[in-house]
PDB file of N, CA and C in Angstrom:
ATOM      1  N   MET A   1     -60.902   7.360  -7.473  1.00  0.00           N
ATOM      2  CA  MET A   1     -60.479   7.653  -6.117  1.00  0.00           C
ATOM      3  C   MET A   1     -59.893   6.403  -5.451  1.00  0.00           C
ATOM      4  N   LYS A   2     -60.487   5.227  -5.789  1.00  0.00           N
ATOM      5  CA  LYS A   2     -60.018   3.980  -5.208  1.00  0.00           C
ATOM      6  C   LYS A   2     -58.588   3.668  -5.649  1.00  0.00           C
ATOM      7  N   ASN A   3     -58.280   3.918  -6.938  1.00  0.00           N
ATOM      8  CA  ASN A   3     -56.921   3.702  -7.452  1.00  0.00           C
ATOM      9  C   ASN A   3     -55.928   4.666  -6.802  1.00  0.00           C
ATOM     10  N   PHE A   4     -56.362   5.887  -6.550  1.00  0.00           N
ATOM     11  CA  PHE A   4     -55.498   6.879  -5.916  1.00  0.00           C
ATOM     12  C   PHE A   4     -55.089   6.425  -4.517  1.00  0.00           C
ATOM     13  N   LYS A   5     -56.033   5.867  -3.763  1.00  0.00           N
ATOM     14  CA  LYS A   5     -55.744   5.382  -2.414  1.00  0.00           C
ATOM     15  C   LYS A   5     -54.776   4.201  -2.454  1.00  0.00           C
ATOM     16  N   LYS A   6     -54.920   3.328  -3.443  1.00  0.00           N
ATOM     17  CA  LYS A   6     -54.007   2.186  -3.578  1.00  0.00           C
ATOM     18  C   LYS A   6     -52.596   2.660  -3.919  1.00  0.00           C
ATOM     19  N   ILE A   7     -52.501   3.617  -4.824  1.00  0.00           N
ATOM     20  CA  ILE A   7     -51.184   4.146  -5.212  1.00  0.00           C
ATOM     21  C   ILE A   7     -50.537   4.854  -4.024  1.00  0.00           C
ATOM     22  N   LEU A   8     -51.319   5.659  -3.316  1.00  0.00           N
ATOM     23  CA  LEU A   8     -50.794   6.372  -2.147  1.00  0.00           C
ATOM     24  C   LEU A   8     -50.340   5.393  -1.065  1.00  0.00           C
ATOM     25  N   ALA A   9     -51.122   4.364  -0.807  1.00  0.00           N
ATOM     26  CA  ALA A   9     -50.766   3.361   0.199  1.00  0.00           C
ATOM     27  C   ALA A   9     -49.490   2.617  -0.216  1.00  0.00           C
ATOM     28  N   SER A  10     -49.376   2.274  -1.489  1.00  0.00           N
ATOM     29  CA  SER A  10     -48.180   1.588  -1.984  1.00  0.00           C
ATOM     30  C   SER A  10     -46.948   2.476  -1.856  1.00  0.00           C
ATOM     31  N   LEU A  11     -47.102   3.741  -2.180  1.00  0.00           N
ATOM     32  CA  LEU A  11     -45.994   4.692  -2.072  1.00  0.00           C
ATOM     33  C   LEU A  11     -45.544   4.839  -0.619  1.00  0.00           C
ATOM     34  N   LEU A  12     -46.494   4.909   0.298  1.00  0.00           N
ATOM     35  CA  LEU A  12     -46.151   5.013   1.717  1.00  0.00           C
ATOM     36  C   LEU A  12     -45.418   3.772   2.214  1.00  0.00           C
ATOM     37  N   VAL A  13     -45.813   2.602   1.749  1.00  0.00           N
ATOM     38  CA  VAL A  13     -45.124   1.365   2.135  1.00  0.00           C
ATOM     39  C   VAL A  13     -43.678   1.394   1.649  1.00  0.00           C
ATOM     40  N   VAL A  14     -43.472   1.823   0.404  1.00  0.00           N
ATOM     41  CA  VAL A  14     -42.115   1.889  -0.150  1.00  0.00           C
ATOM     42  C   VAL A  14     -41.262   2.875   0.652  1.00  0.00           C
ATOM     43  N   VAL A  15     -41.803   4.037   0.975  1.00  0.00           N
ATOM     44  CA  VAL A  15     -41.065   5.033   1.755  1.00  0.00           C
ATOM     45  C   VAL A  15     -40.715   4.493   3.135  1.00  0.00           C
ATOM     46  N   MET A  16     -41.641   3.817   3.789  1.00  0.00           N
ATOM     47  CA  MET A  16     -41.382   3.268   5.121  1.00  0.00           C
ATOM     48  C   MET A  16     -40.313   2.194   5.073  1.00  0.00           C
ATOM     49  N   VAL A  17     -40.320   1.353   4.054  1.00  0.00           N
ATOM     50  CA  VAL A  17     -39.313   0.296   3.934  1.00  0.00           C
ATOM     51  C   VAL A  17     -37.933   0.907   3.711  1.00  0.00           C
ATOM     52  N   LEU A  18     -37.855   1.919   2.843  1.00  0.00           N
ATOM     53  CA  LEU A  18     -36.556   2.535   2.562  1.00  0.00           C
ATOM     54  C   LEU A  18     -35.995   3.277   3.768  1.00  0.00           C
ATOM     55  N   THR A  19     -36.842   3.919   4.550  1.00  0.00           N
ATOM     56  CA  THR A  19     -36.335   4.646   5.716  1.00  0.00           C
ATOM     57  C   THR A  19     -35.966   3.714   6.854  1.00  0.00           C
ATOM     58  N   ALA A  20     -36.536   2.524   6.888  1.00  0.00           N
ATOM     59  CA  ALA A  20     -36.223   1.564   7.949  1.00  0.00           C
ATOM     60  C   ALA A  20     -34.980   0.737   7.634  1.00  0.00           C
ATOM     61  N   ALA A  21     -34.610   0.639   6.365  1.00  0.00           N
ATOM     62  CA  ALA A  21     -33.460  -0.185   5.970  1.00  0.00           C
ATOM     63  C   ALA A  21     -32.159   0.538   6.307  1.00  0.00           C
ATOM     64  N   PRO A  22     -31.180  -0.158   6.867  1.00  0.00           N
ATOM     65  CA  PRO A  22     -29.894   0.489   7.151  1.00  0.00           C
ATOM     66  C   PRO A  22     -29.154   0.792   5.850  1.00  0.00           C
ATOM     67  N   LEU A  23     -28.647   2.010   5.756  1.00  0.00           N
ATOM     68  CA  LEU A  23     -27.920   2.405   4.553  1.00  0.00           C
ATOM     69  C   LEU A  23     -26.626   1.636   4.388  1.00  0.00           C
ATOM     70  N   SER A  24     -26.073   1.142   5.464  1.00  0.00           N
ATOM     71  CA  SER A  24     -24.814   0.408   5.367  1.00  0.00           C
ATOM     72  C   SER A  24     -24.968  -0.869   4.551  1.00  0.00           C
ATOM     73  N   GLY A  25     -26.195  -1.347   4.401  1.00  0.00           N
ATOM     74  CA  GLY A  25     -26.420  -2.523   3.574  1.00  0.00           C
ATOM     75  C   GLY A  25     -26.305  -2.222   2.095  1.00  0.00           C
ATOM     76  N   PHE A  26     -26.462  -0.956   1.738  1.00  0.00           N
ATOM     77  CA  PHE A  26     -26.407  -0.562   0.335  1.00  0.00           C
ATOM     78  C   PHE A  26     -25.049  -0.008  -0.074  1.00  0.00           C
ATOM     79  N   VAL A  27     -24.334   0.556   0.872  1.00  0.00           N
ATOM     80  CA  VAL A  27     -23.055   1.199   0.575  1.00  0.00           C
ATOM     81  C   VAL A  27     -21.993   0.590   1.467  1.00  0.00           C
ATOM     82  N   GLY A  28     -20.796   0.335   0.935  1.00  0.00           N
ATOM     83  CA  GLY A  28     -19.705  -0.221   1.736  1.00  0.00           C
ATOM     84  C   GLY A  28     -19.092   0.838   2.634  1.00  0.00           C
ATOM     85  N   PHE A  29     -19.184   0.650   3.936  1.00  0.00           N
ATOM     86  CA  PHE A  29     -18.618   1.587   4.896  1.00  0.00           C
ATOM     87  C   PHE A  29     -17.435   0.968   5.629  1.00  0.00           C
ATOM     88  N   GLU A  30     -16.660   0.167   4.951  1.00  0.00           N
ATOM     89  CA  GLU A  30     -15.542  -0.509   5.598  1.00  0.00           C
ATOM     90  C   GLU A  30     -14.407   0.486   5.866  1.00  0.00           C
ATOM     91  N   GLN A  31     -13.815   0.357   7.027  1.00  0.00           N
ATOM     92  CA  GLN A  31     -12.664   1.185   7.375  1.00  0.00           C
ATOM     93  C   GLN A  31     -11.399   0.560   6.816  1.00  0.00           C
ATOM     94  N   PRO A  32     -10.554   1.345   6.149  1.00  0.00           N
ATOM     95  CA  PRO A  32      -9.314   0.774   5.641  1.00  0.00           C
ATOM     96  C   PRO A  32      -8.345   0.486   6.779  1.00  0.00           C
ATOM     97  N   ASP A  33      -7.462  -0.478   6.571  1.00  0.00           N
ATOM     98  CA  ASP A  33      -6.417  -0.747   7.552  1.00  0.00           C
ATOM     99  C   ASP A  33      -5.372   0.347   7.430  1.00  0.00           C
ATOM    100  N   ILE A  34      -5.205   1.124   8.503  1.00  0.00           N
ATOM    101  CA  ILE A  34      -4.278   2.250   8.490  1.00  0.00           C
ATOM    102  C   ILE A  34      -3.246   2.052   9.573  1.00  0.00           C
ATOM    103  N   ASP A  35      -1.994   2.191   9.212  1.00  0.00           N
ATOM    104  CA  ASP A  35      -0.914   2.177  10.193  1.00  0.00           C
ATOM    105  C   ASP A  35      -0.627   3.633  10.536  1.00  0.00           C
ATOM    106  N   TRP A  36      -1.135   4.083  11.690  1.00  0.00           N
ATOM    107  CA  TRP A  36      -1.011   5.493  12.062  1.00  0.00           C
ATOM    108  C   TRP A  36       0.417   5.881  12.408  1.00  0.00           C
ATOM    109  N   SER A  37       1.319   4.929  12.555  1.00  0.00           N
ATOM    110  CA  SER A  37       2.703   5.271  12.879  1.00  0.00           C
ATOM    111  C   SER A  37       3.488   5.673  11.633  1.00  0.00           C
ATOM    112  N   ILE A  38       2.919   5.458  10.456  1.00  0.00           N
ATOM    113  CA  ILE A  38       3.615   5.778   9.209  1.00  0.00           C
ATOM    114  C   ILE A  38       2.825   6.841   8.466  1.00  0.00           C
ATOM    115  N   ARG A  39       3.504   7.891   8.047  1.00  0.00           N
ATOM    116  CA  ARG A  39       2.889   8.948   7.255  1.00  0.00           C
ATOM    117  C   ARG A  39       3.715   9.139   6.001  1.00  0.00           C
ATOM    118  N   ALA A  40       3.082   9.271   4.877  1.00  0.00           N
ATOM    119  CA  ALA A  40       3.812   9.470   3.629  1.00  0.00           C
ATOM    120  C   ALA A  40       4.552  10.803   3.649  1.00  0.00           C
ATOM    121  N   SER A  41       3.901  11.859   4.064  1.00  0.00           N
ATOM    122  CA  SER A  41       4.558  13.166   4.143  1.00  0.00           C
ATOM    123  C   SER A  41       3.787  14.035   5.115  1.00  0.00           C
ATOM    124  N   ALA A  42       4.500  14.993   5.684  1.00  0.00           N
ATOM    125  CA  ALA A  42       3.873  15.890   6.645  1.00  0.00           C
ATOM    126  C   ALA A  42       3.125  16.994   5.912  1.00  0.00           C
ATOM    127  N   LYS A  43       2.184  17.571   6.606  1.00  0.00           N
ATOM    128  CA  LYS A  43       1.391  18.655   6.061  1.00  0.00           C
ATOM    129  C   LYS A  43       2.250  19.906   5.899  1.00  0.00           C
ATOM    130  N   VAL A  44       2.030  20.635   4.840  1.00  0.00           N
ATOM    131  CA  VAL A  44       2.749  21.883   4.595  1.00  0.00           C
ATOM    132  C   VAL A  44       1.977  23.007   5.280  1.00  0.00           C
ATOM    133  N   ILE A  45       2.693  23.848   6.000  1.00  0.00           N
ATOM    134  CA  ILE A  45       2.085  24.968   6.723  1.00  0.00           C
ATOM    135  C   ILE A  45       2.370  26.257   5.972  1.00  0.00           C
ATOM    136  N   ALA A  46       1.383  27.135   5.898  1.00  0.00           N
ATOM    137  CA  ALA A  46       1.600  28.466   5.323  1.00  0.00           C
ATOM    138  C   ALA A  46       2.592  29.217   6.201  1.00  0.00           C
ATOM    139  N   VAL A  47       3.371  30.089   5.597  1.00  0.00           N
ATOM    140  CA  VAL A  47       4.397  30.843   6.333  1.00  0.00           C
ATOM    141  C   VAL A  47       3.768  31.776   7.358  1.00  0.00           C
ATOM    142  N   ASN A  48       2.645  32.386   7.027  1.00  0.00           N
ATOM    143  CA  ASN A  48       1.941  33.296   7.931  1.00  0.00           C
ATOM    144  C   ASN A  48       0.464  32.946   7.922  1.00  0.00           C
ATOM    145  N   GLY A  49      -0.188  33.206   9.034  1.00  0.00           N
ATOM    146  CA  GLY A  49      -1.626  32.969   9.068  1.00  0.00           C
ATOM    147  C   GLY A  49      -2.232  33.387  10.384  1.00  0.00           C
ATOM    148  N   LYS A  50      -3.550  33.234  10.468  1.00  0.00           N
ATOM    149  CA  LYS A  50      -4.282  33.548  11.688  1.00  0.00           C
ATOM    150  C   LYS A  50      -4.628  32.258  12.404  1.00  0.00           C
ATOM    151  N   CYS A  51      -4.567  32.302  13.726  1.00  0.00           N
ATOM    152  CA  CYS A  51      -4.987  31.158  14.535  1.00  0.00           C
ATOM    153  C   CYS A  51      -5.779  31.646  15.740  1.00  0.00           C
ATOM    154  N   GLY A  52      -6.473  32.742  15.555  1.00  0.00           N
ATOM    155  CA  GLY A  52      -7.322  33.342  16.570  1.00  0.00           C
ATOM    156  C   GLY A  52      -7.805  34.682  16.062  1.00  0.00           C
ATOM    157  N   GLU A  53      -8.751  35.276  16.787  1.00  0.00           N
ATOM    158  CA  GLU A  53      -9.293  36.559  16.337  1.00  0.00           C
ATOM    159  C   GLU A  53      -8.201  37.612  16.235  1.00  0.00           C
ATOM    160  N   ASN A  54      -7.346  37.684  17.253  1.00  0.00           N
ATOM    161  CA  ASN A  54      -6.235  38.637  17.253  1.00  0.00           C
ATOM    162  C   ASN A  54      -4.897  37.925  17.419  1.00  0.00           C
ATOM    163  N   VAL A  55      -4.830  36.674  17.001  1.00  0.00           N
ATOM    164  CA  VAL A  55      -3.625  35.866  17.157  1.00  0.00           C
ATOM    165  C   VAL A  55      -3.170  35.386  15.777  1.00  0.00           C
ATOM    166  N   THR A  56      -1.891  35.567  15.515  1.00  0.00           N
ATOM    167  CA  THR A  56      -1.325  35.161  14.229  1.00  0.00           C
ATOM    168  C   THR A  56      -0.128  34.255  14.458  1.00  0.00           C
ATOM    169  N   TYR A  57       0.321  33.615  13.384  1.00  0.00           N
ATOM    170  CA  TYR A  57       1.515  32.780  13.490  1.00  0.00           C
ATOM    171  C   TYR A  57       2.454  33.053  12.325  1.00  0.00           C
ATOM    172  N   THR A  58       3.724  32.791  12.564  1.00  0.00           N
ATOM    173  CA  THR A  58       4.767  32.839  11.551  1.00  0.00           C
ATOM    174  C   THR A  58       5.532  31.539  11.655  1.00  0.00           C
ATOM    175  N   TYR A  59       5.725  30.876  10.517  1.00  0.00           N
ATOM    176  CA  TYR A  59       6.404  29.585  10.502  1.00  0.00           C
ATOM    177  C   TYR A  59       7.670  29.685   9.667  1.00  0.00           C
ATOM    178  N   ASN A  60       8.775  29.216  10.243  1.00  0.00           N
ATOM    179  CA  ASN A  60      10.056  29.171   9.536  1.00  0.00           C
ATOM    180  C   ASN A  60      10.293  27.728   9.130  1.00  0.00           C
ATOM    181  N   ASP A  61      10.149  27.426   7.840  1.00  0.00           N
ATOM    182  CA  ASP A  61      10.271  26.055   7.359  1.00  0.00           C
ATOM    183  C   ASP A  61      11.700  25.527   7.495  1.00  0.00           C
ATOM    184  N   ALA A  62      12.687  26.417   7.435  1.00  0.00           N
ATOM    185  CA  ALA A  62      14.087  25.981   7.548  1.00  0.00           C
ATOM    186  C   ALA A  62      14.397  25.456   8.946  1.00  0.00           C
ATOM    187  N   THR A  63      13.903  26.155   9.976  1.00  0.00           N
ATOM    188  CA  THR A  63      14.183  25.751  11.356  1.00  0.00           C
ATOM    189  C   THR A  63      13.040  24.940  11.967  1.00  0.00           C
ATOM    190  N   LYS A  64      11.899  24.902  11.266  1.00  0.00           N
ATOM    191  CA  LYS A  64      10.693  24.202  11.746  1.00  0.00           C
ATOM    192  C   LYS A  64      10.176  24.820  13.046  1.00  0.00           C
ATOM    193  N   GLU A  65      10.371  26.161  13.187  1.00  0.00           N
ATOM    194  CA  GLU A  65       9.914  26.871  14.379  1.00  0.00           C
ATOM    195  C   GLU A  65       8.654  27.665  14.058  1.00  0.00           C
ATOM    196  N   LEU A  66       7.679  27.574  14.940  1.00  0.00           N
ATOM    197  CA  LEU A  66       6.415  28.290  14.816  1.00  0.00           C
ATOM    198  C   LEU A  66       6.348  29.329  15.925  1.00  0.00           C
ATOM    199  N   VAL A  67       6.110  30.589  15.561  1.00  0.00           N
ATOM    200  CA  VAL A  67       5.963  31.664  16.548  1.00  0.00           C
ATOM    201  C   VAL A  67       4.514  32.131  16.501  1.00  0.00           C
ATOM    202  N   ILE A  68       3.868  32.072  17.662  1.00  0.00           N
ATOM    203  CA  ILE A  68       2.475  32.502  17.788  1.00  0.00           C
ATOM    204  C   ILE A  68       2.462  33.788  18.602  1.00  0.00           C
ATOM    205  N   SER A  69       1.842  34.831  18.035  1.00  0.00           N
ATOM    206  CA  SER A  69       1.849  36.129  18.716  1.00  0.00           C
ATOM    207  C   SER A  69       0.501  36.819  18.552  1.00  0.00           C
ATOM    208  N   GLY A  70       0.331  37.886  19.322  1.00  0.00           N
ATOM    209  CA  GLY A  70      -0.908  38.660  19.292  1.00  0.00           C
ATOM    210  C   GLY A  70      -1.486  38.769  20.680  1.00  0.00           C
ATOM    211  N   THR A  71      -2.788  39.028  20.730  1.00  0.00           N
ATOM    212  CA  THR A  71      -3.461  39.144  22.024  1.00  0.00           C
ATOM    213  C   THR A  71      -4.730  38.310  22.014  1.00  0.00           C
ATOM    214  N   GLY A  72      -4.987  37.664  23.131  1.00  0.00           N
ATOM    215  CA  GLY A  72      -6.198  36.872  23.263  1.00  0.00           C
ATOM    216  C   GLY A  72      -5.947  35.387  23.076  1.00  0.00           C
ATOM    217  N   ALA A  73      -7.035  34.691  22.851  1.00  0.00           N
ATOM    218  CA  ALA A  73      -6.992  33.224  22.788  1.00  0.00           C
ATOM    219  C   ALA A  73      -6.795  32.723  21.365  1.00  0.00           C
ATOM    220  N   MET A  74      -6.104  31.590  21.269  1.00  0.00           N
ATOM    221  CA  MET A  74      -6.028  30.887  19.996  1.00  0.00           C
ATOM    222  C   MET A  74      -7.385  30.245  19.726  1.00  0.00           C
ATOM    223  N   THR A  75      -7.627  29.899  18.492  1.00  0.00           N
ATOM    224  CA  THR A  75      -8.848  29.190  18.101  1.00  0.00           C
ATOM    225  C   THR A  75      -8.821  27.782  18.660  1.00  0.00           C
ATOM    226  N   ASP A  76      -9.980  27.302  19.123  1.00  0.00           N
ATOM    227  CA  ASP A  76     -10.130  25.893  19.486  1.00  0.00           C
ATOM    228  C   ASP A  76     -10.483  25.131  18.216  1.00  0.00           C
ATOM    229  N   TYR A  77      -9.765  24.049  17.974  1.00  0.00           N
ATOM    230  CA  TYR A  77      -9.976  23.261  16.758  1.00  0.00           C
ATOM    231  C   TYR A  77     -10.600  21.925  17.110  1.00  0.00           C
ATOM    232  N   SER A  78     -11.251  21.328  16.137  1.00  0.00           N
ATOM    233  CA  SER A  78     -11.705  19.954  16.286  1.00  0.00           C
ATOM    234  C   SER A  78     -10.594  19.060  15.763  1.00  0.00           C
ATOM    235  N   TYR A  79     -10.718  17.760  15.972  1.00  0.00           N
ATOM    236  CA  TYR A  79      -9.693  16.819  15.548  1.00  0.00           C
ATOM    237  C   TYR A  79      -9.380  16.995  14.063  1.00  0.00           C
ATOM    238  N   GLY A  80      -8.105  17.240  13.748  1.00  0.00           N
ATOM    239  CA  GLY A  80      -7.663  17.361  12.366  1.00  0.00           C
ATOM    240  C   GLY A  80      -7.923  18.708  11.729  1.00  0.00           C
ATOM    241  N   GLY A  81      -8.523  19.649  12.454  1.00  0.00           N
ATOM    242  CA  GLY A  81      -8.891  20.934  11.870  1.00  0.00           C
ATOM    243  C   GLY A  81      -7.860  22.036  12.015  1.00  0.00           C
ATOM    244  N   SER A  82      -6.824  21.803  12.786  1.00  0.00           N
ATOM    245  CA  SER A  82      -5.801  22.812  13.025  1.00  0.00           C
ATOM    246  C   SER A  82      -4.920  22.998  11.791  1.00  0.00           C
ATOM    247  N   PRO A  83      -4.453  24.229  11.547  1.00  0.00           N
ATOM    248  CA  PRO A  83      -3.523  24.428  10.434  1.00  0.00           C
ATOM    249  C   PRO A  83      -2.178  23.744  10.675  1.00  0.00           C
ATOM    250  N   PHE A  84      -1.937  23.313  11.901  1.00  0.00           N
ATOM    251  CA  PHE A  84      -0.666  22.678  12.244  1.00  0.00           C
ATOM    252  C   PHE A  84      -0.766  21.157  12.348  1.00  0.00           C
ATOM    253  N   HIS A  85      -1.949  20.602  12.153  1.00  0.00           N
ATOM    254  CA  HIS A  85      -2.206  19.162  12.265  1.00  0.00           C
ATOM    255  C   HIS A  85      -1.242  18.371  11.379  1.00  0.00           C
ATOM    256  N   GLN A  86      -0.558  17.389  11.932  1.00  0.00           N
ATOM    257  CA  GLN A  86       0.372  16.495  11.237  1.00  0.00           C
ATOM    258  C   GLN A  86       1.490  17.244  10.525  1.00  0.00           C
ATOM    259  N   SER A  87       1.979  18.296  11.122  1.00  0.00           N
ATOM    260  CA  SER A  87       3.063  19.052  10.499  1.00  0.00           C
ATOM    261  C   SER A  87       4.410  18.656  11.108  1.00  0.00           C
ATOM    262  N   ASP A  88       5.474  19.164  10.515  1.00  0.00           N
ATOM    263  CA  ASP A  88       6.829  18.861  10.979  1.00  0.00           C
ATOM    264  C   ASP A  88       7.377  19.892  11.968  1.00  0.00           C
ATOM    265  N   ILE A  89       6.519  20.616  12.640  1.00  0.00           N
ATOM    266  CA  ILE A  89       6.963  21.619  13.614  1.00  0.00           C
ATOM    267  C   ILE A  89       7.849  20.955  14.661  1.00  0.00           C
ATOM    268  N   LYS A  90       9.006  21.584  14.931  1.00  0.00           N
ATOM    269  CA  LYS A  90       9.895  21.064  15.977  1.00  0.00           C
ATOM    270  C   LYS A  90       9.804  21.885  17.256  1.00  0.00           C
ATOM    271  N   SER A  91       9.565  23.210  17.110  1.00  0.00           N
ATOM    272  CA  SER A  91       9.463  24.048  18.303  1.00  0.00           C
ATOM    273  C   SER A  91       8.398  25.120  18.097  1.00  0.00           C
ATOM    274  N   VAL A  92       7.797  25.509  19.216  1.00  0.00           N
ATOM    275  CA  VAL A  92       6.760  26.538  19.220  1.00  0.00           C
ATOM    276  C   VAL A  92       7.139  27.585  20.244  1.00  0.00           C
ATOM    277  N   VAL A  93       7.027  28.851  19.849  1.00  0.00           N
ATOM    278  CA  VAL A  93       7.239  29.970  20.765  1.00  0.00           C
ATOM    279  C   VAL A  93       5.912  30.707  20.857  1.00  0.00           C
ATOM    280  N   ILE A  94       5.368  30.778  22.072  1.00  0.00           N
ATOM    281  CA  ILE A  94       4.124  31.498  22.322  1.00  0.00           C
ATOM    282  C   ILE A  94       4.513  32.827  22.959  1.00  0.00           C
ATOM    283  N   SER A  95       4.186  33.913  22.278  1.00  0.00           N
ATOM    284  CA  SER A  95       4.562  35.246  22.755  1.00  0.00           C
ATOM    285  C   SER A  95       3.623  35.728  23.852  1.00  0.00           C
ATOM    286  N   GLU A  96       4.107  36.694  24.635  1.00  0.00           N
ATOM    287  CA  GLU A  96       3.297  37.293  25.679  1.00  0.00           C
ATOM    288  C   GLU A  96       2.092  37.969  25.043  1.00  0.00           C
ATOM    289  N   GLY A  97       0.941  37.806  25.647  1.00  0.00           N
ATOM    290  CA  GLY A  97      -0.290  38.369  25.106  1.00  0.00           C
ATOM    291  C   GLY A  97      -1.256  37.292  24.646  1.00  0.00           C
ATOM    292  N   VAL A  98      -0.723  36.127  24.285  1.00  0.00           N
ATOM    293  CA  VAL A  98      -1.575  35.001  23.900  1.00  0.00           C
ATOM    294  C   VAL A  98      -2.054  34.361  25.192  1.00  0.00           C
ATOM    295  N   THR A  99      -3.365  34.280  25.366  1.00  0.00           N
ATOM    296  CA  THR A  99      -3.918  33.873  26.661  1.00  0.00           C
ATOM    297  C   THR A  99      -4.241  32.382  26.764  1.00  0.00           C
ATOM    298  N   SER A 100      -4.376  31.686  25.631  1.00  0.00           N
ATOM    299  CA  SER A 100      -4.637  30.254  25.696  1.00  0.00           C
ATOM    300  C   SER A 100      -4.208  29.577  24.400  1.00  0.00           C
ATOM    301  N   ILE A 101      -3.908  28.288  24.529  1.00  0.00           N
ATOM    302  CA  ILE A 101      -3.557  27.467  23.370  1.00  0.00           C
ATOM    303  C   ILE A 101      -4.813  26.705  22.982  1.00  0.00           C
ATOM    304  N   GLY A 102      -5.174  26.742  21.726  1.00  0.00           N
ATOM    305  CA  GLY A 102      -6.405  26.126  21.248  1.00  0.00           C
ATOM    306  C   GLY A 102      -6.412  24.611  21.384  1.00  0.00           C
ATOM    307  N   ASP A 103      -7.599  24.064  21.647  1.00  0.00           N
ATOM    308  CA  ASP A 103      -7.775  22.609  21.686  1.00  0.00           C
ATOM    309  C   ASP A 103      -7.311  22.014  20.361  1.00  0.00           C
ATOM    310  N   TRP A 104      -6.634  20.894  20.403  1.00  0.00           N
ATOM    311  CA  TRP A 104      -6.172  20.130  19.247  1.00  0.00           C
ATOM    312  C   TRP A 104      -5.238  20.936  18.326  1.00  0.00           C
ATOM    313  N   ALA A 105      -4.672  22.034  18.816  1.00  0.00           N
ATOM    314  CA  ALA A 105      -3.833  22.888  17.965  1.00  0.00           C
ATOM    315  C   ALA A 105      -2.631  22.145  17.406  1.00  0.00           C
ATOM    316  N   PHE A 106      -2.018  21.283  18.202  1.00  0.00           N
ATOM    317  CA  PHE A 106      -0.802  20.599  17.765  1.00  0.00           C
ATOM    318  C   PHE A 106      -1.009  19.088  17.684  1.00  0.00           C
ATOM    319  N   ASP A 107      -2.195  18.708  17.279  1.00  0.00           N
ATOM    320  CA  ASP A 107      -2.556  17.304  17.142  1.00  0.00           C
ATOM    321  C   ASP A 107      -1.662  16.606  16.118  1.00  0.00           C
ATOM    322  N   GLN A 108      -1.090  15.491  16.508  1.00  0.00           N
ATOM    323  CA  GLN A 108      -0.242  14.641  15.682  1.00  0.00           C
ATOM    324  C   GLN A 108       0.985  15.373  15.131  1.00  0.00           C
ATOM    325  N   CYS A 109       1.508  16.307  15.895  1.00  0.00           N
ATOM    326  CA  CYS A 109       2.783  16.952  15.549  1.00  0.00           C
ATOM    327  C   CYS A 109       3.878  16.139  16.232  1.00  0.00           C
ATOM    328  N   SER A 110       4.237  15.026  15.624  1.00  0.00           N
ATOM    329  CA  SER A 110       5.119  14.056  16.276  1.00  0.00           C
ATOM    330  C   SER A 110       6.560  14.540  16.429  1.00  0.00           C
ATOM    331  N   ASN A 111       6.970  15.584  15.711  1.00  0.00           N
ATOM    332  CA  ASN A 111       8.338  16.103  15.835  1.00  0.00           C
ATOM    333  C   ASN A 111       8.441  17.254  16.834  1.00  0.00           C
ATOM    334  N   LEU A 112       7.319  17.682  17.388  1.00  0.00           N
ATOM    335  CA  LEU A 112       7.324  18.795  18.331  1.00  0.00           C
ATOM    336  C   LEU A 112       8.014  18.382  19.618  1.00  0.00           C
ATOM    337  N   SER A 113       9.125  19.071  19.919  1.00  0.00           N
ATOM    338  CA  SER A 113       9.887  18.691  21.104  1.00  0.00           C
ATOM    339  C   SER A 113      10.129  19.838  22.072  1.00  0.00           C
ATOM    340  N   ALA A 114       9.787  21.089  21.693  1.00  0.00           N
ATOM    341  CA  ALA A 114      10.027  22.216  22.586  1.00  0.00           C
ATOM    342  C   ALA A 114       8.935  23.265  22.428  1.00  0.00           C
ATOM    343  N   ILE A 115       8.452  23.749  23.576  1.00  0.00           N
ATOM    344  CA  ILE A 115       7.480  24.849  23.582  1.00  0.00           C
ATOM    345  C   ILE A 115       7.993  25.891  24.570  1.00  0.00           C
ATOM    346  N   THR A 116       8.063  27.129  24.094  1.00  0.00           N
ATOM    347  CA  THR A 116       8.510  28.231  24.940  1.00  0.00           C
ATOM    348  C   THR A 116       7.316  29.106  25.258  1.00  0.00           C
ATOM    349  N   LEU A 117       7.043  29.277  26.544  1.00  0.00           N
ATOM    350  CA  LEU A 117       5.941  30.104  27.012  1.00  0.00           C
ATOM    351  C   LEU A 117       6.487  31.346  27.686  1.00  0.00           C
ATOM    352  N   PRO A 118       5.730  32.474  27.656  1.00  0.00           N
ATOM    353  CA  PRO A 118       6.220  33.698  28.321  1.00  0.00           C
ATOM    354  C   PRO A 118       6.206  33.553  29.832  1.00  0.00           C
TER     355      PRO A 118
END
């Protein structure tokens, strides 16, 4: 029984030391130097898709025009989660019936220059 208590106490000490130590000391968490003004290539967008419960989109790659249609609200996205994130969209047409544009929907769409609202 005495040996069991020593082993248990030793195990608890090891667990406490490991949980108190910062993981960053064991793994390299360095951020790479990124020039956000330069992108190798833009994200490819599907020709058709959903961007809300009753909201869909159609993308014309030749004209770089995105048409959003349906009824109700677009999905709210988190940073980088939008299907349009970092795309080459030049214009967006929001059809009548769409009640809101989702958060972060057009994040980092640097070529977007025109939006048509009903």
